N, C-alpha and C. Protein backbone atom coordinates (compact mmCIF):
# COMPACT_ATOMS: atom_id res chain seq x y z
N MET A 1 41.72 -31.47 -32.67
CA MET A 1 40.95 -32.56 -33.22
C MET A 1 41.32 -33.82 -32.48
N THR A 2 40.40 -34.41 -31.82
CA THR A 2 40.64 -35.66 -31.13
C THR A 2 39.58 -36.66 -31.53
N THR A 3 40.04 -37.86 -31.87
CA THR A 3 39.10 -38.93 -32.18
C THR A 3 39.32 -40.06 -31.20
N ASN A 4 38.32 -40.87 -31.05
CA ASN A 4 38.42 -42.02 -30.17
C ASN A 4 39.35 -43.04 -30.84
N PRO A 5 40.50 -43.35 -30.25
CA PRO A 5 41.44 -44.26 -30.90
C PRO A 5 40.91 -45.68 -31.03
N ASP A 6 39.87 -46.03 -30.27
CA ASP A 6 39.30 -47.37 -30.34
C ASP A 6 38.17 -47.47 -31.36
N ALA A 7 37.73 -46.33 -31.87
CA ALA A 7 36.61 -46.33 -32.82
C ALA A 7 37.13 -46.50 -34.24
N ARG A 8 36.39 -47.24 -35.02
CA ARG A 8 36.73 -47.38 -36.43
C ARG A 8 35.97 -46.34 -37.21
N PHE A 9 36.59 -45.86 -38.27
CA PHE A 9 35.96 -44.85 -39.10
C PHE A 9 35.01 -45.49 -40.09
N THR A 10 33.99 -44.73 -40.45
CA THR A 10 33.17 -45.04 -41.61
C THR A 10 33.36 -43.86 -42.56
N ILE A 11 32.85 -43.98 -43.76
CA ILE A 11 32.98 -42.89 -44.72
C ILE A 11 32.44 -41.59 -44.13
N ALA A 12 31.34 -41.66 -43.41
CA ALA A 12 30.71 -40.46 -42.86
C ALA A 12 31.44 -39.88 -41.66
N THR A 13 32.24 -40.68 -40.97
CA THR A 13 32.85 -40.20 -39.74
C THR A 13 34.34 -39.86 -39.87
N VAL A 14 34.89 -39.94 -41.06
CA VAL A 14 36.31 -39.62 -41.25
C VAL A 14 36.51 -38.12 -41.09
N PRO A 15 37.36 -37.70 -40.14
CA PRO A 15 37.63 -36.27 -39.97
C PRO A 15 38.27 -35.67 -41.22
N PRO A 16 38.08 -34.37 -41.45
CA PRO A 16 38.56 -33.74 -42.69
C PRO A 16 40.06 -33.91 -42.95
N LEU A 17 40.89 -33.78 -41.93
CA LEU A 17 42.33 -33.90 -42.16
C LEU A 17 42.71 -35.32 -42.56
N TYR A 18 42.01 -36.31 -42.02
CA TYR A 18 42.23 -37.69 -42.46
C TYR A 18 41.81 -37.85 -43.91
N ARG A 19 40.73 -37.19 -44.31
CA ARG A 19 40.30 -37.25 -45.71
C ARG A 19 41.39 -36.71 -46.63
N VAL A 20 42.02 -35.61 -46.22
CA VAL A 20 43.11 -35.04 -47.01
C VAL A 20 44.24 -36.05 -47.14
N ALA A 21 44.62 -36.67 -46.03
CA ALA A 21 45.70 -37.66 -46.05
C ALA A 21 45.34 -38.84 -46.96
N ILE A 22 44.11 -39.28 -46.91
CA ILE A 22 43.67 -40.40 -47.74
C ILE A 22 43.74 -40.03 -49.21
N ILE A 23 43.26 -38.86 -49.57
CA ILE A 23 43.30 -38.42 -50.97
C ILE A 23 44.74 -38.31 -51.45
N LEU A 24 45.61 -37.70 -50.65
CA LEU A 24 47.02 -37.56 -51.03
C LEU A 24 47.67 -38.93 -51.20
N SER A 25 47.37 -39.85 -50.31
CA SER A 25 47.93 -41.19 -50.40
C SER A 25 47.46 -41.89 -51.68
N LEU A 26 46.20 -41.74 -52.02
CA LEU A 26 45.68 -42.37 -53.23
C LEU A 26 46.27 -41.74 -54.49
N VAL A 27 46.51 -40.44 -54.47
CA VAL A 27 47.11 -39.77 -55.64
C VAL A 27 48.53 -40.29 -55.85
N THR A 28 49.35 -40.29 -54.81
CA THR A 28 50.72 -40.77 -54.99
C THR A 28 50.75 -42.26 -55.26
N GLY A 29 49.79 -43.00 -54.70
CA GLY A 29 49.71 -44.42 -54.99
C GLY A 29 49.40 -44.69 -56.45
N ALA A 30 48.47 -43.93 -57.01
CA ALA A 30 48.13 -44.08 -58.43
C ALA A 30 49.33 -43.76 -59.32
N ILE A 31 50.06 -42.73 -58.98
CA ILE A 31 51.26 -42.38 -59.76
C ILE A 31 52.28 -43.51 -59.70
N HIS A 32 52.49 -44.06 -58.51
CA HIS A 32 53.46 -45.14 -58.37
C HIS A 32 53.02 -46.41 -59.11
N LEU A 33 51.73 -46.71 -59.07
CA LEU A 33 51.25 -47.87 -59.82
C LEU A 33 51.44 -47.66 -61.32
N TYR A 34 51.14 -46.47 -61.80
CA TYR A 34 51.35 -46.14 -63.21
C TYR A 34 52.82 -46.31 -63.59
N LEU A 35 53.71 -45.76 -62.79
CA LEU A 35 55.14 -45.88 -63.07
C LEU A 35 55.61 -47.33 -62.97
N GLY A 36 55.08 -48.05 -62.01
CA GLY A 36 55.45 -49.46 -61.87
C GLY A 36 55.07 -50.28 -63.08
N ILE A 37 53.88 -50.03 -63.60
CA ILE A 37 53.44 -50.74 -64.80
C ILE A 37 54.26 -50.30 -66.01
N SER A 38 54.60 -49.02 -66.07
CA SER A 38 55.40 -48.49 -67.18
C SER A 38 56.81 -49.10 -67.21
N PHE A 39 57.38 -49.37 -66.03
CA PHE A 39 58.74 -49.89 -65.93
C PHE A 39 58.76 -51.33 -65.43
N ILE A 40 57.75 -52.12 -65.79
CA ILE A 40 57.60 -53.46 -65.23
C ILE A 40 58.79 -54.36 -65.55
N THR A 41 59.47 -54.13 -66.66
CA THR A 41 60.61 -54.99 -67.01
C THR A 41 61.89 -54.58 -66.28
N ASN A 42 61.86 -53.45 -65.63
CA ASN A 42 63.01 -52.93 -64.88
C ASN A 42 62.79 -53.27 -63.40
N PRO A 43 63.82 -53.72 -62.69
CA PRO A 43 63.64 -54.00 -61.26
C PRO A 43 63.10 -52.79 -60.48
N LEU A 44 63.43 -51.58 -60.94
CA LEU A 44 62.91 -50.39 -60.27
C LEU A 44 61.39 -50.32 -60.38
N GLY A 45 60.84 -50.86 -61.45
CA GLY A 45 59.40 -50.88 -61.63
C GLY A 45 58.69 -51.63 -60.52
N TRP A 46 59.31 -52.70 -60.05
CA TRP A 46 58.71 -53.47 -58.95
C TRP A 46 58.68 -52.66 -57.66
N SER A 47 59.67 -51.82 -57.45
CA SER A 47 59.66 -50.98 -56.25
C SER A 47 58.54 -49.93 -56.34
N PHE A 48 58.28 -49.44 -57.56
CA PHE A 48 57.16 -48.51 -57.74
C PHE A 48 55.83 -49.22 -57.45
N LEU A 49 55.70 -50.45 -57.94
CA LEU A 49 54.47 -51.21 -57.68
C LEU A 49 54.27 -51.43 -56.19
N PHE A 50 55.35 -51.80 -55.49
CA PHE A 50 55.26 -52.01 -54.05
C PHE A 50 54.81 -50.73 -53.34
N ALA A 51 55.46 -49.62 -53.68
CA ALA A 51 55.10 -48.35 -53.04
C ALA A 51 53.65 -47.98 -53.35
N GLY A 52 53.23 -48.19 -54.59
CA GLY A 52 51.84 -47.88 -54.96
C GLY A 52 50.85 -48.69 -54.15
N ILE A 53 51.15 -49.96 -53.98
CA ILE A 53 50.26 -50.82 -53.18
C ILE A 53 50.21 -50.34 -51.74
N VAL A 54 51.35 -49.98 -51.18
CA VAL A 54 51.39 -49.48 -49.79
C VAL A 54 50.55 -48.22 -49.66
N PHE A 55 50.67 -47.31 -50.63
CA PHE A 55 49.90 -46.06 -50.56
C PHE A 55 48.40 -46.31 -50.72
N PHE A 56 47.99 -47.43 -51.32
CA PHE A 56 46.58 -47.76 -51.41
C PHE A 56 46.10 -48.53 -50.18
N VAL A 57 46.97 -49.31 -49.57
CA VAL A 57 46.58 -50.09 -48.39
C VAL A 57 46.50 -49.21 -47.14
N ALA A 58 47.33 -48.19 -47.05
CA ALA A 58 47.35 -47.34 -45.86
C ALA A 58 45.99 -46.72 -45.54
N PRO A 59 45.26 -46.16 -46.53
CA PRO A 59 43.93 -45.65 -46.19
C PRO A 59 42.98 -46.73 -45.68
N LEU A 60 43.11 -47.93 -46.20
CA LEU A 60 42.29 -49.03 -45.69
C LEU A 60 42.62 -49.30 -44.23
N ALA A 61 43.90 -49.21 -43.89
CA ALA A 61 44.30 -49.41 -42.49
C ALA A 61 43.73 -48.31 -41.59
N ILE A 62 43.62 -47.11 -42.12
CA ILE A 62 43.03 -46.02 -41.34
C ILE A 62 41.57 -46.33 -41.02
N PHE A 63 40.85 -46.89 -41.99
CA PHE A 63 39.43 -47.23 -41.77
C PHE A 63 39.25 -48.42 -40.84
N THR A 64 40.05 -49.45 -41.01
CA THR A 64 39.78 -50.70 -40.32
C THR A 64 40.55 -50.89 -39.02
N SER A 65 41.56 -50.10 -38.81
CA SER A 65 42.42 -50.31 -37.66
C SER A 65 42.07 -49.37 -36.52
N THR A 66 42.25 -49.86 -35.33
CA THR A 66 42.16 -48.99 -34.17
C THR A 66 43.55 -48.48 -33.80
N ARG A 67 44.54 -48.85 -34.58
CA ARG A 67 45.93 -48.42 -34.35
C ARG A 67 46.34 -47.39 -35.39
N ARG A 68 45.54 -46.35 -35.50
CA ARG A 68 45.82 -45.31 -36.49
C ARG A 68 47.15 -44.62 -36.24
N ARG A 69 47.52 -44.44 -34.98
CA ARG A 69 48.80 -43.78 -34.69
C ARG A 69 49.97 -44.59 -35.26
N ALA A 70 49.87 -45.90 -35.21
CA ALA A 70 50.93 -46.74 -35.78
C ALA A 70 51.00 -46.54 -37.29
N VAL A 71 49.86 -46.44 -37.92
CA VAL A 71 49.83 -46.21 -39.37
C VAL A 71 50.47 -44.85 -39.69
N LEU A 72 50.14 -43.84 -38.90
CA LEU A 72 50.73 -42.52 -39.10
C LEU A 72 52.25 -42.57 -38.87
N LEU A 73 52.66 -43.24 -37.80
CA LEU A 73 54.09 -43.33 -37.49
C LEU A 73 54.88 -44.06 -38.57
N LEU A 74 54.27 -45.05 -39.17
CA LEU A 74 54.94 -45.76 -40.27
C LEU A 74 54.89 -44.96 -41.57
N GLY A 75 53.81 -44.23 -41.76
CA GLY A 75 53.63 -43.48 -43.00
C GLY A 75 54.59 -42.32 -43.17
N ILE A 76 54.97 -41.69 -42.08
CA ILE A 76 55.87 -40.53 -42.17
C ILE A 76 57.24 -40.93 -42.74
N PRO A 77 57.97 -41.89 -42.15
CA PRO A 77 59.27 -42.22 -42.73
C PRO A 77 59.17 -42.90 -44.09
N PHE A 78 58.10 -43.68 -44.31
CA PHE A 78 57.94 -44.33 -45.61
C PHE A 78 57.79 -43.29 -46.71
N THR A 79 56.93 -42.30 -46.49
CA THR A 79 56.70 -41.27 -47.49
C THR A 79 57.90 -40.35 -47.63
N ALA A 80 58.48 -39.93 -46.52
CA ALA A 80 59.67 -39.08 -46.58
C ALA A 80 60.82 -39.82 -47.26
N GLY A 81 60.93 -41.10 -47.00
CA GLY A 81 61.97 -41.90 -47.64
C GLY A 81 61.81 -41.96 -49.15
N GLN A 82 60.56 -41.96 -49.62
CA GLN A 82 60.30 -41.94 -51.06
C GLN A 82 60.88 -40.67 -51.68
N ILE A 83 60.72 -39.57 -50.98
CA ILE A 83 61.23 -38.28 -51.49
C ILE A 83 62.76 -38.31 -51.54
N VAL A 84 63.38 -38.78 -50.47
CA VAL A 84 64.84 -38.81 -50.40
C VAL A 84 65.41 -39.75 -51.46
N ILE A 85 64.87 -40.94 -51.57
CA ILE A 85 65.37 -41.91 -52.55
C ILE A 85 65.22 -41.36 -53.97
N TRP A 86 64.07 -40.74 -54.25
CA TRP A 86 63.86 -40.14 -55.58
C TRP A 86 64.93 -39.10 -55.87
N TYR A 87 65.20 -38.25 -54.90
CA TYR A 87 66.19 -37.21 -55.08
C TYR A 87 67.58 -37.80 -55.35
N LEU A 88 67.90 -38.89 -54.67
CA LEU A 88 69.22 -39.50 -54.81
C LEU A 88 69.41 -40.25 -56.13
N ILE A 89 68.33 -40.81 -56.69
CA ILE A 89 68.50 -41.62 -57.90
C ILE A 89 68.05 -40.94 -59.19
N THR A 90 67.44 -39.77 -59.09
CA THR A 90 66.90 -39.11 -60.27
C THR A 90 67.82 -38.00 -60.73
N ASP A 91 68.01 -37.94 -62.06
CA ASP A 91 68.80 -36.85 -62.61
C ASP A 91 67.98 -35.95 -63.52
N SER A 92 66.70 -36.29 -63.71
CA SER A 92 65.81 -35.43 -64.48
C SER A 92 64.49 -35.31 -63.73
N TYR A 93 63.85 -34.19 -63.90
CA TYR A 93 62.63 -33.92 -63.14
C TYR A 93 61.50 -33.61 -64.10
N GLY A 94 60.59 -34.56 -64.27
CA GLY A 94 59.44 -34.36 -65.14
C GLY A 94 58.25 -33.86 -64.35
N THR A 95 57.19 -33.54 -65.07
CA THR A 95 55.97 -33.04 -64.43
C THR A 95 55.40 -34.05 -63.45
N LEU A 96 55.38 -35.32 -63.84
CA LEU A 96 54.84 -36.36 -62.96
C LEU A 96 55.68 -36.47 -61.68
N ASP A 97 56.99 -36.33 -61.83
CA ASP A 97 57.88 -36.36 -60.65
C ASP A 97 57.54 -35.23 -59.69
N VAL A 98 57.40 -34.05 -60.22
CA VAL A 98 57.15 -32.87 -59.38
C VAL A 98 55.79 -32.99 -58.70
N VAL A 99 54.77 -33.43 -59.44
CA VAL A 99 53.44 -33.60 -58.84
C VAL A 99 53.50 -34.64 -57.73
N ASP A 100 54.16 -35.76 -58.00
CA ASP A 100 54.23 -36.82 -57.00
C ASP A 100 54.98 -36.37 -55.75
N LYS A 101 56.12 -35.73 -55.92
CA LYS A 101 56.90 -35.34 -54.75
C LYS A 101 56.24 -34.20 -53.98
N ALA A 102 55.56 -33.31 -54.67
CA ALA A 102 54.81 -32.26 -53.97
C ALA A 102 53.67 -32.90 -53.17
N THR A 103 53.00 -33.87 -53.77
CA THR A 103 51.92 -34.59 -53.07
C THR A 103 52.48 -35.28 -51.84
N GLN A 104 53.62 -35.92 -51.99
CA GLN A 104 54.21 -36.63 -50.86
C GLN A 104 54.69 -35.68 -49.76
N ALA A 105 55.24 -34.54 -50.16
CA ALA A 105 55.68 -33.56 -49.15
C ALA A 105 54.50 -33.07 -48.33
N VAL A 106 53.39 -32.77 -48.99
CA VAL A 106 52.19 -32.33 -48.27
C VAL A 106 51.66 -33.47 -47.41
N LEU A 107 51.71 -34.70 -47.93
CA LEU A 107 51.25 -35.86 -47.17
C LEU A 107 52.05 -36.02 -45.88
N VAL A 108 53.36 -35.84 -45.94
CA VAL A 108 54.18 -35.94 -44.74
C VAL A 108 53.74 -34.89 -43.71
N LEU A 109 53.52 -33.67 -44.17
CA LEU A 109 53.08 -32.61 -43.26
C LEU A 109 51.72 -32.93 -42.64
N VAL A 110 50.81 -33.46 -43.43
CA VAL A 110 49.48 -33.82 -42.92
C VAL A 110 49.60 -34.97 -41.92
N LEU A 111 50.43 -35.95 -42.21
CA LEU A 111 50.60 -37.07 -41.28
C LEU A 111 51.20 -36.60 -39.95
N VAL A 112 52.16 -35.69 -40.01
CA VAL A 112 52.73 -35.12 -38.79
C VAL A 112 51.65 -34.37 -38.01
N ALA A 113 50.85 -33.58 -38.70
CA ALA A 113 49.77 -32.83 -38.05
C ALA A 113 48.78 -33.79 -37.40
N LEU A 114 48.42 -34.86 -38.10
CA LEU A 114 47.49 -35.83 -37.54
C LEU A 114 48.09 -36.51 -36.31
N LEU A 115 49.35 -36.82 -36.37
CA LEU A 115 50.01 -37.44 -35.23
C LEU A 115 50.01 -36.52 -34.02
N TYR A 116 50.21 -35.25 -34.27
CA TYR A 116 50.23 -34.26 -33.19
C TYR A 116 48.84 -34.01 -32.62
N TRP A 117 47.84 -33.82 -33.50
CA TRP A 117 46.52 -33.40 -33.05
C TRP A 117 45.60 -34.54 -32.66
N ASP A 118 45.78 -35.70 -33.24
CA ASP A 118 44.85 -36.80 -32.97
C ASP A 118 45.44 -37.72 -31.93
N ARG A 119 45.23 -37.38 -30.68
CA ARG A 119 45.79 -38.18 -29.57
C ARG A 119 44.73 -38.94 -28.86
């Protein structure tokens, strides 16, 4: 799969694997925004809000930017870092945690695949 790196996407021209990445990003973003609002009085809540906003802004960057590779390169460590930090600070694993981390793990794999295939 190769796309023109100088072309901007429209809804109709987004390749399928990018669509998967966008959906995964929006799912984990929604979870983080929900958690951020739930824990708004806790400083950790603000970090959830920040992460949620980033996961919502990234798909916009895919549409509007001609520097999609940079977005992919930034997205991989950001998303993987979310998984590592969660593992280090969490002592209980709820359903929402598992759904979010599974979504993020798949997102990392999709971002790596996009980085490899979309040159």
